[in-house]
């Protein structure tokens, strides 16, 4: 099976099973912030039976790809939102059951070179319901993150967990079989692999699930 078929298999089967292990309510409202091409939006939408997914990104190109997937997979519960690059999640307080921040916490403000993750943690806490779930997939992000002063350094897992805990969350459990899809969409990586990129070449990792603590 080539990589393209395996990506489809992940979106429609393996990724769905991943969210089953995340113990997300079947009727959950999920915000996939920085959804990219929507691999996780597609998977979680198929896991839900009476829930809704809000897929948010500023990139019109990737959202067009997600829109096609929604049509191809006949998905009815995904709402696409193109934001303007702001870190504010344009939802009411206590709106969502789950916030996904997958492969985004390493990002930095292009002008100030300061990290965006602290604002994202703050916003996730605001929009989540009591006992809501914040899910992140750090992958290799911890190797190239900046601190609050803008200095780039390597973070340990424990340091990242401590940072998130400082914003009102508690690590509850981890789930394996997350896939870092960045390589799949990289022309450089395809060239590096002589146009023979394999699904197994992509980085794997765990989903870290945090619970919103009471004030």
C-alpha atoms as a PDB file:
ATOM      1  CA  UNK A   1       0.000   0.000   0.000  1.00  0.00           C
ATOM      2  CA  UNK A   2       1.508   3.356  -1.004  1.00  0.00           C
ATOM      3  CA  UNK A   3       1.769   6.319   1.318  1.00  0.00           C
ATOM      4  CA  UNK A   4      -1.310   8.079  -0.056  1.00  0.00           C
ATOM      5  CA  UNK A   5      -3.533   5.076   0.619  1.00  0.00           C
ATOM      6  CA  UNK A   6      -2.015   4.677   4.077  1.00  0.00           C
ATOM      7  CA  UNK A   7      -2.805   8.316   4.888  1.00  0.00           C
ATOM      8  CA  UNK A   8      -6.414   7.643   3.924  1.00  0.00           C
ATOM      9  CA  UNK A   9      -6.382   4.500   6.056  1.00  0.00           C
ATOM     10  CA  UNK A  10      -5.062   6.517   8.990  1.00  0.00           C
ATOM     11  CA  UNK A  11      -7.717   9.213   8.572  1.00  0.00           C
ATOM     12  CA  UNK A  12     -10.571   6.725   8.299  1.00  0.00           C
ATOM     13  CA  UNK A  13      -9.500   3.951  10.670  1.00  0.00           C
ATOM     14  CA  UNK A  14      -6.312   4.286  12.738  1.00  0.00           C
ATOM     15  CA  UNK A  15      -6.890   7.942  13.587  1.00  0.00           C
ATOM     16  CA  UNK A  16     -10.486   7.206  14.525  1.00  0.00           C
ATOM     17  CA  UNK A  17      -9.242   4.481  16.889  1.00  0.00           C
ATOM     18  CA  UNK A  18      -6.776   6.971  18.384  1.00  0.00           C
ATOM     19  CA  UNK A  19      -9.641   9.253  19.400  1.00  0.00           C
ATOM     20  CA  UNK A  20     -11.557   6.281  20.783  1.00  0.00           C
ATOM     21  CA  UNK A  21      -8.641   5.742  23.179  1.00  0.00           C
ATOM     22  CA  UNK A  22      -8.737   9.446  24.094  1.00  0.00           C
ATOM     23  CA  UNK A  23     -12.094   8.863  25.828  1.00  0.00           C
ATOM     24  CA  UNK A  24     -13.681  11.877  24.175  1.00  0.00           C
ATOM     25  CA  UNK A  25     -17.484  12.014  24.533  1.00  0.00           C
ATOM     26  CA  UNK A  26     -19.235  10.942  21.330  1.00  0.00           C
ATOM     27  CA  UNK A  27     -21.232  14.174  21.365  1.00  0.00           C
ATOM     28  CA  UNK A  28     -18.229  16.439  22.010  1.00  0.00           C
ATOM     29  CA  UNK A  29     -17.690  19.868  20.521  1.00  0.00           C
ATOM     30  CA  UNK A  30     -14.092  19.840  19.262  1.00  0.00           C
ATOM     31  CA  UNK A  31     -11.937  22.788  18.170  1.00  0.00           C
ATOM     32  CA  UNK A  32      -8.979  21.794  15.981  1.00  0.00           C
ATOM     33  CA  UNK A  33      -6.947  25.004  16.164  1.00  0.00           C
ATOM     34  CA  UNK A  34      -4.234  25.193  13.511  1.00  0.00           C
ATOM     35  CA  UNK A  35      -5.845  22.237  11.773  1.00  0.00           C
ATOM     36  CA  UNK A  36      -3.648  22.389   8.672  1.00  0.00           C
ATOM     37  CA  UNK A  37      -4.728  19.872   6.043  1.00  0.00           C
ATOM     38  CA  UNK A  38      -7.245  18.437   8.478  1.00  0.00           C
ATOM     39  CA  UNK A  39      -5.962  14.916   9.042  1.00  0.00           C
ATOM     40  CA  UNK A  40      -7.025  15.020  12.680  1.00  0.00           C
ATOM     41  CA  UNK A  41     -10.235  16.914  11.998  1.00  0.00           C
ATOM     42  CA  UNK A  42     -11.288  14.190   9.575  1.00  0.00           C
ATOM     43  CA  UNK A  43     -10.424  11.405  12.016  1.00  0.00           C
ATOM     44  CA  UNK A  44     -12.160  12.884  15.052  1.00  0.00           C
ATOM     45  CA  UNK A  45     -15.240  13.816  13.008  1.00  0.00           C
ATOM     46  CA  UNK A  46     -15.715  10.149  12.108  1.00  0.00           C
ATOM     47  CA  UNK A  47     -15.309   9.118  15.730  1.00  0.00           C
ATOM     48  CA  UNK A  48     -18.087  11.453  16.879  1.00  0.00           C
ATOM     49  CA  UNK A  49     -21.677  10.282  16.551  1.00  0.00           C
ATOM     50  CA  UNK A  50     -23.482  13.441  17.592  1.00  0.00           C
ATOM     51  CA  UNK A  51     -20.696  15.981  17.977  1.00  0.00           C
ATOM     52  CA  UNK A  52     -19.166  18.785  15.958  1.00  0.00           C
ATOM     53  CA  UNK A  53     -15.690  19.772  14.806  1.00  0.00           C
ATOM     54  CA  UNK A  54     -14.544  23.346  14.215  1.00  0.00           C
ATOM     55  CA  UNK A  55     -11.416  23.312  12.054  1.00  0.00           C
ATOM     56  CA  UNK A  56      -9.519  26.592  12.314  1.00  0.00           C
ATOM     57  CA  UNK A  57      -6.552  27.760  10.252  1.00  0.00           C
ATOM     58  CA  UNK A  58      -5.359  30.928   8.537  1.00  0.00           C
ATOM     59  CA  UNK A  59      -4.064  29.153   5.416  1.00  0.00           C
ATOM     60  CA  UNK A  60      -6.640  29.213   2.630  1.00  0.00           C
ATOM     61  CA  UNK A  61      -4.758  26.571   0.629  1.00  0.00           C
ATOM     62  CA  UNK A  62      -4.807  23.897   3.321  1.00  0.00           C
ATOM     63  CA  UNK A  63      -8.436  24.619   4.147  1.00  0.00           C
ATOM     64  CA  UNK A  64      -9.334  24.035   0.498  1.00  0.00           C
ATOM     65  CA  UNK A  65      -7.777  20.575   0.777  1.00  0.00           C
ATOM     66  CA  UNK A  66      -9.791  19.902   3.916  1.00  0.00           C
ATOM     67  CA  UNK A  67     -12.951  21.093   2.194  1.00  0.00           C
ATOM     68  CA  UNK A  68     -12.376  18.502  -0.547  1.00  0.00           C
ATOM     69  CA  UNK A  69     -11.861  15.763   2.048  1.00  0.00           C
ATOM     70  CA  UNK A  70     -15.138  16.688   3.698  1.00  0.00           C
ATOM     71  CA  UNK A  71     -16.870  16.225   0.370  1.00  0.00           C
ATOM     72  CA  UNK A  72     -15.003  13.026  -0.546  1.00  0.00           C
ATOM     73  CA  UNK A  73     -15.708  11.411   2.840  1.00  0.00           C
ATOM     74  CA  UNK A  74     -19.285  12.784   3.006  1.00  0.00           C
ATOM     75  CA  UNK A  75     -18.668  14.338   6.410  1.00  0.00           C
ATOM     76  CA  UNK A  76     -21.459  16.442   7.863  1.00  0.00           C
ATOM     77  CA  UNK A  77     -20.073  17.621  11.189  1.00  0.00           C
ATOM     78  CA  UNK A  78     -17.035  19.752  10.300  1.00  0.00           C
ATOM     79  CA  UNK A  79     -17.215  23.542  10.138  1.00  0.00           C
ATOM     80  CA  UNK A  80     -14.214  25.250   8.521  1.00  0.00           C
ATOM     81  CA  UNK A  81     -13.145  28.618   9.921  1.00  0.00           C
ATOM     82  CA  UNK A  82     -10.436  30.703   8.277  1.00  0.00           C
ATOM     83  CA  UNK A  83      -9.021  33.047  10.875  1.00  0.00           C
ATOM     84  CA  UNK A  84      -6.745  36.010  10.269  1.00  0.00           C
ATOM     85  CA  UNK A  85      -3.732  34.633  12.056  1.00  0.00           C
ATOM     86  CA  UNK A  86      -4.794  35.941  15.448  1.00  0.00           C
ATOM     87  CA  UNK A  87      -4.299  33.619  18.405  1.00  0.00           C
ATOM     88  CA  UNK A  88      -7.707  34.362  19.854  1.00  0.00           C
ATOM     89  CA  UNK A  89     -10.156  31.488  19.499  1.00  0.00           C
ATOM     90  CA  UNK A  90     -13.313  33.203  18.389  1.00  0.00           C
ATOM     91  CA  UNK A  91     -15.652  31.142  20.517  1.00  0.00           C
ATOM     92  CA  UNK A  92     -17.644  31.862  23.654  1.00  0.00           C
ATOM     93  CA  UNK A  93     -16.315  30.993  27.089  1.00  0.00           C
ATOM     94  CA  UNK A  94     -16.830  27.329  28.044  1.00  0.00           C
ATOM     95  CA  UNK A  95     -17.905  26.510  24.477  1.00  0.00           C
ATOM     96  CA  UNK A  96     -15.952  23.326  23.714  1.00  0.00           C
ATOM     97  CA  UNK A  97     -15.372  19.912  25.216  1.00  0.00           C
ATOM     98  CA  UNK A  98     -12.029  19.402  23.475  1.00  0.00           C
ATOM     99  CA  UNK A  99      -9.316  21.655  22.035  1.00  0.00           C
ATOM    100  CA  UNK A 100      -6.690  20.116  19.758  1.00  0.00           C
ATOM    101  CA  UNK A 101      -3.330  21.909  19.519  1.00  0.00           C
ATOM    102  CA  UNK A 102      -1.505  19.436  17.303  1.00  0.00           C
ATOM    103  CA  UNK A 103       1.949  20.413  16.052  1.00  0.00           C
ATOM    104  CA  UNK A 104       1.397  24.098  16.806  1.00  0.00           C
ATOM    105  CA  UNK A 105       2.892  24.869  20.221  1.00  0.00           C
ATOM    106  CA  UNK A 106       6.368  25.445  18.748  1.00  0.00           C
ATOM    107  CA  UNK A 107       5.123  28.423  16.714  1.00  0.00           C
ATOM    108  CA  UNK A 108       6.398  31.965  17.207  1.00  0.00           C
ATOM    109  CA  UNK A 109       5.102  35.430  16.431  1.00  0.00           C
ATOM    110  CA  UNK A 110       6.862  36.412  13.208  1.00  0.00           C
ATOM    111  CA  UNK A 111       7.425  39.985  14.340  1.00  0.00           C
ATOM    112  CA  UNK A 112       8.340  39.613  18.005  1.00  0.00           C
ATOM    113  CA  UNK A 113       9.903  36.123  17.745  1.00  0.00           C
ATOM    114  CA  UNK A 114       8.125  35.262  20.975  1.00  0.00           C
ATOM    115  CA  UNK A 115       6.227  31.968  21.369  1.00  0.00           C
ATOM    116  CA  UNK A 116       2.513  31.694  20.675  1.00  0.00           C
ATOM    117  CA  UNK A 117       1.844  28.703  22.921  1.00  0.00           C
ATOM    118  CA  UNK A 118       1.230  30.685  26.103  1.00  0.00           C
ATOM    119  CA  UNK A 119      -1.622  32.612  24.524  1.00  0.00           C
ATOM    120  CA  UNK A 120      -2.979  29.372  23.064  1.00  0.00           C
ATOM    121  CA  UNK A 121      -2.977  27.675  26.465  1.00  0.00           C
ATOM    122  CA  UNK A 122      -4.778  30.703  27.898  1.00  0.00           C
ATOM    123  CA  UNK A 123      -7.373  30.666  25.126  1.00  0.00           C
ATOM    124  CA  UNK A 124      -7.850  26.893  25.398  1.00  0.00           C
ATOM    125  CA  UNK A 125      -8.629  27.254  29.091  1.00  0.00           C
ATOM    126  CA  UNK A 126     -11.142  30.012  28.339  1.00  0.00           C
ATOM    127  CA  UNK A 127     -13.105  28.177  25.643  1.00  0.00           C
ATOM    128  CA  UNK A 128     -13.121  24.755  27.317  1.00  0.00           C
ATOM    129  CA  UNK A 129     -15.967  23.628  29.512  1.00  0.00           C
ATOM    130  CA  UNK A 130     -15.217  22.521  33.097  1.00  0.00           C
ATOM    131  CA  UNK A 131     -13.205  19.277  32.917  1.00  0.00           C
ATOM    132  CA  UNK A 132     -12.697  19.838  29.191  1.00  0.00           C
ATOM    133  CA  UNK A 133      -9.786  18.200  27.396  1.00  0.00           C
ATOM    134  CA  UNK A 134      -6.744  19.941  25.931  1.00  0.00           C
ATOM    135  CA  UNK A 135      -4.875  17.615  23.557  1.00  0.00           C
ATOM    136  CA  UNK A 136      -1.426  18.303  22.187  1.00  0.00           C
ATOM    137  CA  UNK A 137       1.048  16.329  20.097  1.00  0.00           C
ATOM    138  CA  UNK A 138       4.503  17.766  20.725  1.00  0.00           C
ATOM    139  CA  UNK A 139       6.511  15.414  18.438  1.00  0.00           C
ATOM    140  CA  UNK A 140       9.967  17.002  18.081  1.00  0.00           C
ATOM    141  CA  UNK A 141       8.663  20.486  18.863  1.00  0.00           C
ATOM    142  CA  UNK A 142      10.343  20.503  22.263  1.00  0.00           C
ATOM    143  CA  UNK A 143      13.746  20.649  20.558  1.00  0.00           C
ATOM    144  CA  UNK A 144      13.203  24.084  19.063  1.00  0.00           C
ATOM    145  CA  UNK A 145      10.886  26.122  21.248  1.00  0.00           C
ATOM    146  CA  UNK A 146      11.460  29.611  22.629  1.00  0.00           C
ATOM    147  CA  UNK A 147      10.952  30.702  26.202  1.00  0.00           C
ATOM    148  CA  UNK A 148       8.969  33.802  27.191  1.00  0.00           C
ATOM    149  CA  UNK A 149      11.957  36.042  26.487  1.00  0.00           C
ATOM    150  CA  UNK A 150      12.232  34.715  22.935  1.00  0.00           C
ATOM    151  CA  UNK A 151      15.363  32.644  23.555  1.00  0.00           C
ATOM    152  CA  UNK A 152      15.348  29.327  21.712  1.00  0.00           C
ATOM    153  CA  UNK A 153      16.215  26.265  23.760  1.00  0.00           C
ATOM    154  CA  UNK A 154      15.464  22.592  24.189  1.00  0.00           C
ATOM    155  CA  UNK A 155      12.632  21.695  26.543  1.00  0.00           C
ATOM    156  CA  UNK A 156      12.160  18.455  28.433  1.00  0.00           C
ATOM    157  CA  UNK A 157       8.794  16.742  28.528  1.00  0.00           C
ATOM    158  CA  UNK A 158       8.507  17.622  32.198  1.00  0.00           C
ATOM    159  CA  UNK A 159       9.092  21.318  31.465  1.00  0.00           C
ATOM    160  CA  UNK A 160       6.369  21.392  28.806  1.00  0.00           C
ATOM    161  CA  UNK A 161       3.917  19.648  31.120  1.00  0.00           C
ATOM    162  CA  UNK A 162       4.763  22.140  33.879  1.00  0.00           C
ATOM    163  CA  UNK A 163       4.141  25.080  31.528  1.00  0.00           C
ATOM    164  CA  UNK A 164       0.720  23.764  30.538  1.00  0.00           C
ATOM    165  CA  UNK A 165      -0.131  22.989  34.159  1.00  0.00           C
ATOM    166  CA  UNK A 166       0.600  26.615  35.029  1.00  0.00           C
ATOM    167  CA  UNK A 167      -2.329  27.593  32.789  1.00  0.00           C
ATOM    168  CA  UNK A 168      -4.843  25.504  34.708  1.00  0.00           C
ATOM    169  CA  UNK A 169      -4.473  22.007  33.274  1.00  0.00           C
ATOM    170  CA  UNK A 170      -3.508  18.620  34.640  1.00  0.00           C
ATOM    171  CA  UNK A 171      -1.998  15.833  32.520  1.00  0.00           C
ATOM    172  CA  UNK A 172      -4.467  12.947  32.562  1.00  0.00           C
ATOM    173  CA  UNK A 173      -3.199  10.330  30.104  1.00  0.00           C
ATOM    174  CA  UNK A 174      -1.293   9.733  26.884  1.00  0.00           C
ATOM    175  CA  UNK A 175      -2.313   7.866  23.737  1.00  0.00           C
ATOM    176  CA  UNK A 176       0.074   6.506  21.107  1.00  0.00           C
ATOM    177  CA  UNK A 177      -0.184   6.390  17.288  1.00  0.00           C
ATOM    178  CA  UNK A 178      -0.201  10.121  16.526  1.00  0.00           C
ATOM    179  CA  UNK A 179       1.405  10.910  13.166  1.00  0.00           C
ATOM    180  CA  UNK A 180       3.394  14.020  12.255  1.00  0.00           C
ATOM    181  CA  UNK A 181       2.073  14.723   8.754  1.00  0.00           C
ATOM    182  CA  UNK A 182       4.380  17.675   8.037  1.00  0.00           C
ATOM    183  CA  UNK A 183       6.806  15.499   6.073  1.00  0.00           C
ATOM    184  CA  UNK A 184       4.002  14.236   3.829  1.00  0.00           C
ATOM    185  CA  UNK A 185       3.288  17.788   2.666  1.00  0.00           C
ATOM    186  CA  UNK A 186       6.934  18.818   2.234  1.00  0.00           C
ATOM    187  CA  UNK A 187       8.342  18.996  -1.300  1.00  0.00           C
ATOM    188  CA  UNK A 188      11.812  19.002   0.266  1.00  0.00           C
ATOM    189  CA  UNK A 189      11.177  15.718   2.047  1.00  0.00           C
ATOM    190  CA  UNK A 190       9.799  14.078  -1.091  1.00  0.00           C
ATOM    191  CA  UNK A 191      12.901  15.154  -2.995  1.00  0.00           C
ATOM    192  CA  UNK A 192      15.127  13.969  -0.147  1.00  0.00           C
ATOM    193  CA  UNK A 193      13.494  10.536  -0.378  1.00  0.00           C
ATOM    194  CA  UNK A 194      13.765  10.453  -4.201  1.00  0.00           C
ATOM    195  CA  UNK A 195       9.989  10.760  -4.537  1.00  0.00           C
ATOM    196  CA  UNK A 196       9.608   7.500  -2.642  1.00  0.00           C
ATOM    197  CA  UNK A 197       8.498   8.746   0.748  1.00  0.00           C
ATOM    198  CA  UNK A 198       7.018   5.969   2.870  1.00  0.00           C
ATOM    199  CA  UNK A 199       4.370   6.244   5.548  1.00  0.00           C
ATOM    200  CA  UNK A 200       6.837   4.662   7.963  1.00  0.00           C
ATOM    201  CA  UNK A 201       9.257   7.555   7.353  1.00  0.00           C
ATOM    202  CA  UNK A 202       6.949   9.969   9.148  1.00  0.00           C
ATOM    203  CA  UNK A 203       7.496  10.796  12.788  1.00  0.00           C
ATOM    204  CA  UNK A 204       5.178   9.174  15.306  1.00  0.00           C
ATOM    205  CA  UNK A 205       4.391  10.228  18.832  1.00  0.00           C
ATOM    206  CA  UNK A 206       1.830  10.397  21.594  1.00  0.00           C
ATOM    207  CA  UNK A 207      -1.166  12.590  22.228  1.00  0.00           C
ATOM    208  CA  UNK A 208      -0.927  14.264  25.628  1.00  0.00           C
ATOM    209  CA  UNK A 209      -4.365  14.821  27.091  1.00  0.00           C
ATOM    210  CA  UNK A 210      -4.817  17.438  29.802  1.00  0.00           C
ATOM    211  CA  UNK A 211      -7.934  18.119  31.838  1.00  0.00           C
ATOM    212  CA  UNK A 212      -9.074  21.650  32.626  1.00  0.00           C
ATOM    213  CA  UNK A 213      -8.911  22.112  36.372  1.00  0.00           C
ATOM    214  CA  UNK A 214     -11.494  23.946  38.433  1.00  0.00           C
ATOM    215  CA  UNK A 215     -10.643  27.539  39.309  1.00  0.00           C
END
